[in-house]
Amino acid sequence: MQAKDGHVAKFMPRFDGPFKILKAYPDLSTYTLHLPDYSKIHQTFRSSLLCTYVENDPELFSLRTLKRLGPIVTADGEIEYFIDKIINQQTRGRRKQYLVHWLGYSLESDLWLP
């Protein structure tokens, strides 16, 4: 995918997170992070690839605030959430599982569901 300005998305800087730091190695300038279970990348990063997490100020940047939609309670008492998109699929044994991204929630809330 190429943007209008000619940049390719896979080469653009990407900051996900925030992630909890599990271990710090100051002599190597690396950090081991607690990544989501579905992440397929190594958990240790050079410090130059990381940045400090800054909490959003909703008064200054109201459009950056994720609107979390509450669950819907059906007549049966079941709790349901809105699905934004299916991100990935995998086969476990004879069954398929889908990585579901919930509408209004961050990537840390994504779940593998049958």
N, C-alpha and C. Protein backbone atom coordinates (compact mmCIF):
# COMPACT_ATOMS: atom_id res chain seq x y z
N MET A 1 0.84 -1.17 0.00
CA MET A 1 0.00 0.00 0.00
C MET A 1 0.89 1.23 0.00
N GLN A 2 0.60 2.15 -0.89
CA GLN A 2 1.42 3.35 -1.01
C GLN A 2 0.55 4.57 -0.74
N ALA A 3 1.05 5.48 0.08
CA ALA A 3 0.32 6.71 0.41
C ALA A 3 0.41 7.69 -0.74
N LYS A 4 -0.41 8.75 -0.67
CA LYS A 4 -0.44 9.76 -1.72
C LYS A 4 0.90 10.48 -1.89
N ASP A 5 1.65 10.60 -0.78
CA ASP A 5 2.91 11.33 -0.86
C ASP A 5 4.08 10.46 -1.30
N GLY A 6 3.80 9.20 -1.70
CA GLY A 6 4.84 8.32 -2.22
C GLY A 6 5.51 7.44 -1.19
N HIS A 7 5.13 7.53 0.07
CA HIS A 7 5.72 6.70 1.12
C HIS A 7 5.02 5.34 1.16
N VAL A 8 5.78 4.31 1.42
CA VAL A 8 5.24 2.97 1.55
C VAL A 8 4.97 2.70 3.03
N ALA A 9 3.76 2.20 3.35
CA ALA A 9 3.32 2.06 4.73
C ALA A 9 4.24 1.16 5.56
N LYS A 10 4.77 0.09 4.99
CA LYS A 10 5.58 -0.82 5.80
C LYS A 10 6.91 -0.22 6.22
N PHE A 11 7.33 0.90 5.60
CA PHE A 11 8.57 1.55 5.97
C PHE A 11 8.35 2.77 6.86
N MET A 12 7.09 3.08 7.15
CA MET A 12 6.78 4.24 7.99
C MET A 12 6.94 3.86 9.46
N PRO A 13 7.37 4.78 10.32
CA PRO A 13 7.47 4.47 11.75
C PRO A 13 6.09 4.13 12.29
N ARG A 14 6.06 3.15 13.18
CA ARG A 14 4.79 2.71 13.75
C ARG A 14 4.96 2.57 15.25
N PHE A 15 4.10 3.21 15.99
CA PHE A 15 4.17 3.15 17.45
C PHE A 15 2.89 2.53 17.98
N ASP A 16 2.98 1.30 18.45
CA ASP A 16 1.86 0.61 19.06
C ASP A 16 2.07 0.65 20.57
N GLY A 17 1.04 0.29 21.28
CA GLY A 17 1.24 0.19 22.72
C GLY A 17 0.29 1.07 23.47
N PRO A 18 0.51 1.30 24.71
CA PRO A 18 1.72 1.09 25.49
C PRO A 18 1.88 -0.37 25.91
N PHE A 19 3.12 -0.78 26.13
CA PHE A 19 3.43 -2.13 26.57
C PHE A 19 4.25 -2.05 27.86
N LYS A 20 4.04 -3.02 28.72
CA LYS A 20 4.75 -3.08 29.99
C LYS A 20 6.18 -3.57 29.75
N ILE A 21 7.14 -2.95 30.41
CA ILE A 21 8.54 -3.36 30.31
C ILE A 21 8.77 -4.51 31.29
N LEU A 22 9.21 -5.65 30.77
CA LEU A 22 9.49 -6.81 31.62
C LEU A 22 10.91 -6.79 32.16
N LYS A 23 11.89 -6.48 31.28
CA LYS A 23 13.29 -6.45 31.69
C LYS A 23 13.99 -5.31 30.95
N ALA A 24 14.92 -4.68 31.63
CA ALA A 24 15.75 -3.64 31.02
C ALA A 24 17.21 -4.09 31.06
N TYR A 25 17.91 -3.88 29.95
CA TYR A 25 19.33 -4.22 29.85
C TYR A 25 20.08 -2.94 29.47
N PRO A 26 20.41 -2.09 30.46
CA PRO A 26 21.05 -0.81 30.16
C PRO A 26 22.41 -0.94 29.48
N ASP A 27 23.16 -2.01 29.79
CA ASP A 27 24.47 -2.16 29.16
C ASP A 27 24.35 -2.48 27.68
N LEU A 28 23.21 -3.06 27.24
CA LEU A 28 22.97 -3.37 25.83
C LEU A 28 22.02 -2.37 25.16
N SER A 29 21.45 -1.47 25.96
CA SER A 29 20.45 -0.51 25.48
C SER A 29 19.25 -1.22 24.86
N THR A 30 18.79 -2.29 25.52
CA THR A 30 17.62 -3.02 25.02
C THR A 30 16.61 -3.20 26.15
N TYR A 31 15.37 -3.43 25.74
CA TYR A 31 14.26 -3.65 26.67
C TYR A 31 13.44 -4.83 26.18
N THR A 32 12.98 -5.65 27.12
CA THR A 32 12.05 -6.74 26.80
C THR A 32 10.66 -6.30 27.23
N LEU A 33 9.71 -6.36 26.29
CA LEU A 33 8.36 -5.87 26.53
C LEU A 33 7.37 -7.02 26.63
N HIS A 34 6.26 -6.79 27.30
CA HIS A 34 5.17 -7.76 27.36
C HIS A 34 4.25 -7.45 26.19
N LEU A 35 4.33 -8.25 25.14
CA LEU A 35 3.53 -8.06 23.93
C LEU A 35 2.29 -8.95 23.98
N PRO A 36 1.23 -8.60 23.20
CA PRO A 36 0.04 -9.46 23.16
C PRO A 36 0.37 -10.86 22.65
N ASP A 37 -0.47 -11.83 23.01
CA ASP A 37 -0.24 -13.23 22.63
C ASP A 37 -0.19 -13.44 21.12
N TYR A 38 -0.96 -12.66 20.35
CA TYR A 38 -1.02 -12.85 18.91
C TYR A 38 0.18 -12.24 18.18
N SER A 39 1.01 -11.49 18.89
CA SER A 39 2.17 -10.87 18.27
C SER A 39 3.19 -11.93 17.87
N LYS A 40 3.71 -11.82 16.65
CA LYS A 40 4.65 -12.81 16.15
C LYS A 40 6.06 -12.24 16.01
N ILE A 41 6.36 -11.21 16.79
CA ILE A 41 7.69 -10.61 16.72
C ILE A 41 8.41 -10.85 18.04
N HIS A 42 9.72 -10.71 18.00
CA HIS A 42 10.55 -10.91 19.19
C HIS A 42 10.24 -9.81 20.20
N GLN A 43 10.31 -10.11 21.48
CA GLN A 43 9.91 -9.19 22.52
C GLN A 43 10.98 -8.19 22.95
N THR A 44 12.21 -8.33 22.48
CA THR A 44 13.30 -7.46 22.88
C THR A 44 13.59 -6.44 21.78
N PHE A 45 13.68 -5.15 22.20
CA PHE A 45 13.87 -4.06 21.25
C PHE A 45 15.01 -3.16 21.70
N ARG A 46 15.72 -2.56 20.74
CA ARG A 46 16.72 -1.54 21.05
C ARG A 46 15.99 -0.29 21.56
N SER A 47 16.62 0.44 22.44
CA SER A 47 15.99 1.63 23.02
C SER A 47 15.68 2.69 21.97
N SER A 48 16.44 2.71 20.88
CA SER A 48 16.19 3.71 19.83
C SER A 48 14.87 3.46 19.09
N LEU A 49 14.33 2.24 19.20
CA LEU A 49 13.05 1.93 18.54
C LEU A 49 11.85 2.21 19.44
N LEU A 50 12.09 2.56 20.69
CA LEU A 50 11.01 2.78 21.64
C LEU A 50 10.84 4.26 21.94
N CYS A 51 9.65 4.63 22.36
CA CYS A 51 9.41 6.01 22.80
C CYS A 51 8.55 5.97 24.06
N THR A 52 8.60 7.05 24.81
CA THR A 52 7.87 7.15 26.05
C THR A 52 6.38 7.33 25.76
N TYR A 53 5.53 6.63 26.52
CA TYR A 53 4.09 6.76 26.36
C TYR A 53 3.62 8.03 27.05
N VAL A 54 2.83 8.82 26.34
CA VAL A 54 2.27 10.05 26.89
C VAL A 54 0.75 9.91 26.84
N GLU A 55 0.13 10.01 28.00
CA GLU A 55 -1.34 9.90 28.08
C GLU A 55 -1.98 11.06 27.32
N ASN A 56 -3.09 10.79 26.64
CA ASN A 56 -3.80 11.80 25.87
C ASN A 56 -4.50 12.79 26.80
N ASP A 57 -4.45 14.07 26.46
CA ASP A 57 -5.20 15.09 27.18
C ASP A 57 -6.50 15.33 26.40
N PRO A 58 -7.65 14.84 26.90
CA PRO A 58 -8.90 14.94 26.13
C PRO A 58 -9.36 16.37 25.89
N GLU A 59 -8.92 17.32 26.71
CA GLU A 59 -9.31 18.71 26.48
C GLU A 59 -8.59 19.29 25.27
N LEU A 60 -7.32 18.92 25.09
CA LEU A 60 -6.55 19.44 23.96
C LEU A 60 -6.80 18.65 22.68
N PHE A 61 -6.92 17.31 22.79
CA PHE A 61 -7.04 16.45 21.62
C PHE A 61 -8.24 15.52 21.79
N SER A 62 -9.43 16.05 21.68
CA SER A 62 -10.64 15.26 21.92
C SER A 62 -10.86 14.20 20.84
N LEU A 63 -10.35 14.40 19.63
CA LEU A 63 -10.55 13.42 18.55
C LEU A 63 -9.67 12.18 18.73
N ARG A 64 -8.64 12.25 19.57
CA ARG A 64 -7.77 11.11 19.79
C ARG A 64 -8.32 10.13 20.82
N THR A 65 -9.39 10.49 21.50
CA THR A 65 -9.96 9.64 22.53
C THR A 65 -10.81 8.56 21.88
N LEU A 66 -10.50 7.29 22.23
CA LEU A 66 -11.30 6.19 21.70
C LEU A 66 -12.63 6.15 22.43
N LYS A 67 -13.71 6.09 21.65
CA LYS A 67 -15.03 5.99 22.25
C LYS A 67 -15.34 4.52 22.44
N ARG A 68 -15.39 4.10 23.68
CA ARG A 68 -15.68 2.70 23.98
C ARG A 68 -17.18 2.51 24.05
N LEU A 69 -17.67 1.71 23.14
CA LEU A 69 -19.09 1.40 23.15
C LEU A 69 -19.33 0.32 24.20
N GLY A 70 -20.32 0.53 25.00
CA GLY A 70 -20.65 -0.45 26.02
C GLY A 70 -21.28 -1.69 25.39
N PRO A 71 -21.35 -2.75 26.15
CA PRO A 71 -21.95 -3.98 25.62
C PRO A 71 -23.46 -3.84 25.48
N ILE A 72 -24.02 -4.65 24.61
CA ILE A 72 -25.45 -4.73 24.43
C ILE A 72 -25.94 -5.92 25.23
N VAL A 73 -26.97 -5.73 26.01
CA VAL A 73 -27.56 -6.83 26.77
C VAL A 73 -28.83 -7.26 26.03
N THR A 74 -28.84 -8.52 25.57
CA THR A 74 -29.99 -9.03 24.82
C THR A 74 -31.12 -9.38 25.78
N ALA A 75 -32.26 -9.74 25.21
CA ALA A 75 -33.42 -10.13 26.02
C ALA A 75 -33.12 -11.37 26.86
N ASP A 76 -32.20 -12.22 26.39
CA ASP A 76 -31.83 -13.43 27.13
C ASP A 76 -30.83 -13.15 28.25
N GLY A 77 -30.36 -11.91 28.35
CA GLY A 77 -29.36 -11.57 29.36
C GLY A 77 -27.93 -11.76 28.87
N GLU A 78 -27.75 -12.10 27.58
CA GLU A 78 -26.42 -12.27 26.99
C GLU A 78 -25.78 -10.90 26.76
N ILE A 79 -24.46 -10.82 26.97
CA ILE A 79 -23.73 -9.57 26.72
C ILE A 79 -23.03 -9.70 25.37
N GLU A 80 -23.24 -8.71 24.51
CA GLU A 80 -22.65 -8.71 23.17
C GLU A 80 -21.91 -7.40 22.94
N TYR A 81 -20.82 -7.48 22.12
CA TYR A 81 -20.04 -6.30 21.75
C TYR A 81 -20.04 -6.17 20.24
N PHE A 82 -19.75 -4.97 19.73
CA PHE A 82 -19.65 -4.73 18.31
C PHE A 82 -18.27 -5.14 17.80
N ILE A 83 -18.22 -5.87 16.70
CA ILE A 83 -16.97 -6.24 16.06
C ILE A 83 -16.64 -5.21 15.00
N ASP A 84 -15.42 -4.66 15.05
CA ASP A 84 -14.98 -3.70 14.05
C ASP A 84 -14.51 -4.42 12.80
N LYS A 85 -13.63 -5.43 12.98
CA LYS A 85 -13.15 -6.19 11.82
C LYS A 85 -12.48 -7.48 12.28
N ILE A 86 -12.39 -8.42 11.36
CA ILE A 86 -11.64 -9.65 11.57
C ILE A 86 -10.24 -9.39 11.04
N ILE A 87 -9.23 -9.51 11.88
CA ILE A 87 -7.86 -9.16 11.50
C ILE A 87 -7.13 -10.33 10.86
N ASN A 88 -7.35 -11.54 11.39
CA ASN A 88 -6.58 -12.69 10.93
C ASN A 88 -7.39 -13.96 11.20
N GLN A 89 -6.95 -15.07 10.60
CA GLN A 89 -7.56 -16.36 10.89
C GLN A 89 -6.47 -17.42 10.98
N GLN A 90 -6.73 -18.47 11.74
CA GLN A 90 -5.80 -19.58 11.87
C GLN A 90 -6.60 -20.85 12.11
N THR A 91 -5.98 -21.98 11.82
CA THR A 91 -6.63 -23.27 12.06
C THR A 91 -5.98 -23.93 13.26
N ARG A 92 -6.79 -24.32 14.21
CA ARG A 92 -6.34 -25.05 15.40
C ARG A 92 -7.01 -26.41 15.37
N GLY A 93 -6.25 -27.43 15.01
CA GLY A 93 -6.85 -28.75 14.86
C GLY A 93 -7.78 -28.75 13.67
N ARG A 94 -9.05 -29.03 13.91
CA ARG A 94 -10.04 -29.02 12.83
C ARG A 94 -10.88 -27.74 12.82
N ARG A 95 -10.61 -26.87 13.76
CA ARG A 95 -11.43 -25.66 13.89
C ARG A 95 -10.67 -24.42 13.45
N LYS A 96 -11.41 -23.45 12.97
CA LYS A 96 -10.83 -22.16 12.61
C LYS A 96 -11.03 -21.18 13.74
N GLN A 97 -10.05 -20.32 13.94
CA GLN A 97 -10.15 -19.24 14.89
C GLN A 97 -9.92 -17.93 14.17
N TYR A 98 -10.55 -16.88 14.66
CA TYR A 98 -10.47 -15.57 14.04
C TYR A 98 -10.00 -14.55 15.07
N LEU A 99 -9.06 -13.70 14.67
CA LEU A 99 -8.60 -12.62 15.53
C LEU A 99 -9.56 -11.45 15.34
N VAL A 100 -10.30 -11.12 16.39
CA VAL A 100 -11.37 -10.14 16.31
C VAL A 100 -10.92 -8.83 16.95
N HIS A 101 -11.14 -7.72 16.21
CA HIS A 101 -10.89 -6.38 16.76
C HIS A 101 -12.24 -5.76 17.10
N TRP A 102 -12.39 -5.35 18.36
CA TRP A 102 -13.65 -4.81 18.84
C TRP A 102 -13.75 -3.32 18.54
N LEU A 103 -14.92 -2.87 18.16
CA LEU A 103 -15.16 -1.46 17.82
C LEU A 103 -14.96 -0.58 19.06
N GLY A 104 -14.08 0.42 18.96
CA GLY A 104 -13.84 1.35 20.05
C GLY A 104 -12.81 0.90 21.06
N TYR A 105 -12.16 -0.24 20.84
CA TYR A 105 -11.17 -0.76 21.78
C TYR A 105 -9.80 -0.80 21.12
N SER A 106 -8.74 -0.82 21.93
CA SER A 106 -7.37 -0.83 21.41
C SER A 106 -6.97 -2.25 21.00
N LEU A 107 -5.80 -2.38 20.39
CA LEU A 107 -5.31 -3.67 19.90
C LEU A 107 -5.08 -4.67 21.02
N GLU A 108 -4.83 -4.19 22.24
CA GLU A 108 -4.62 -5.09 23.36
C GLU A 108 -5.88 -5.88 23.71
N SER A 109 -7.04 -5.40 23.27
CA SER A 109 -8.32 -6.07 23.58
C SER A 109 -8.69 -7.11 22.54
N ASP A 110 -7.90 -7.25 21.46
CA ASP A 110 -8.23 -8.23 20.42
C ASP A 110 -8.18 -9.65 20.95
N LEU A 111 -9.06 -10.50 20.47
CA LEU A 111 -9.15 -11.87 20.95
C LEU A 111 -9.24 -12.86 19.80
N TRP A 112 -8.70 -14.06 20.01
CA TRP A 112 -8.87 -15.17 19.08
C TRP A 112 -10.16 -15.90 19.50
N LEU A 113 -11.12 -15.97 18.59
CA LEU A 113 -12.41 -16.60 18.87
C LEU A 113 -12.75 -17.63 17.80
N PRO A 114 -13.49 -18.71 18.18
CA PRO A 114 -13.89 -19.71 17.18
C PRO A 114 -14.95 -19.15 16.22
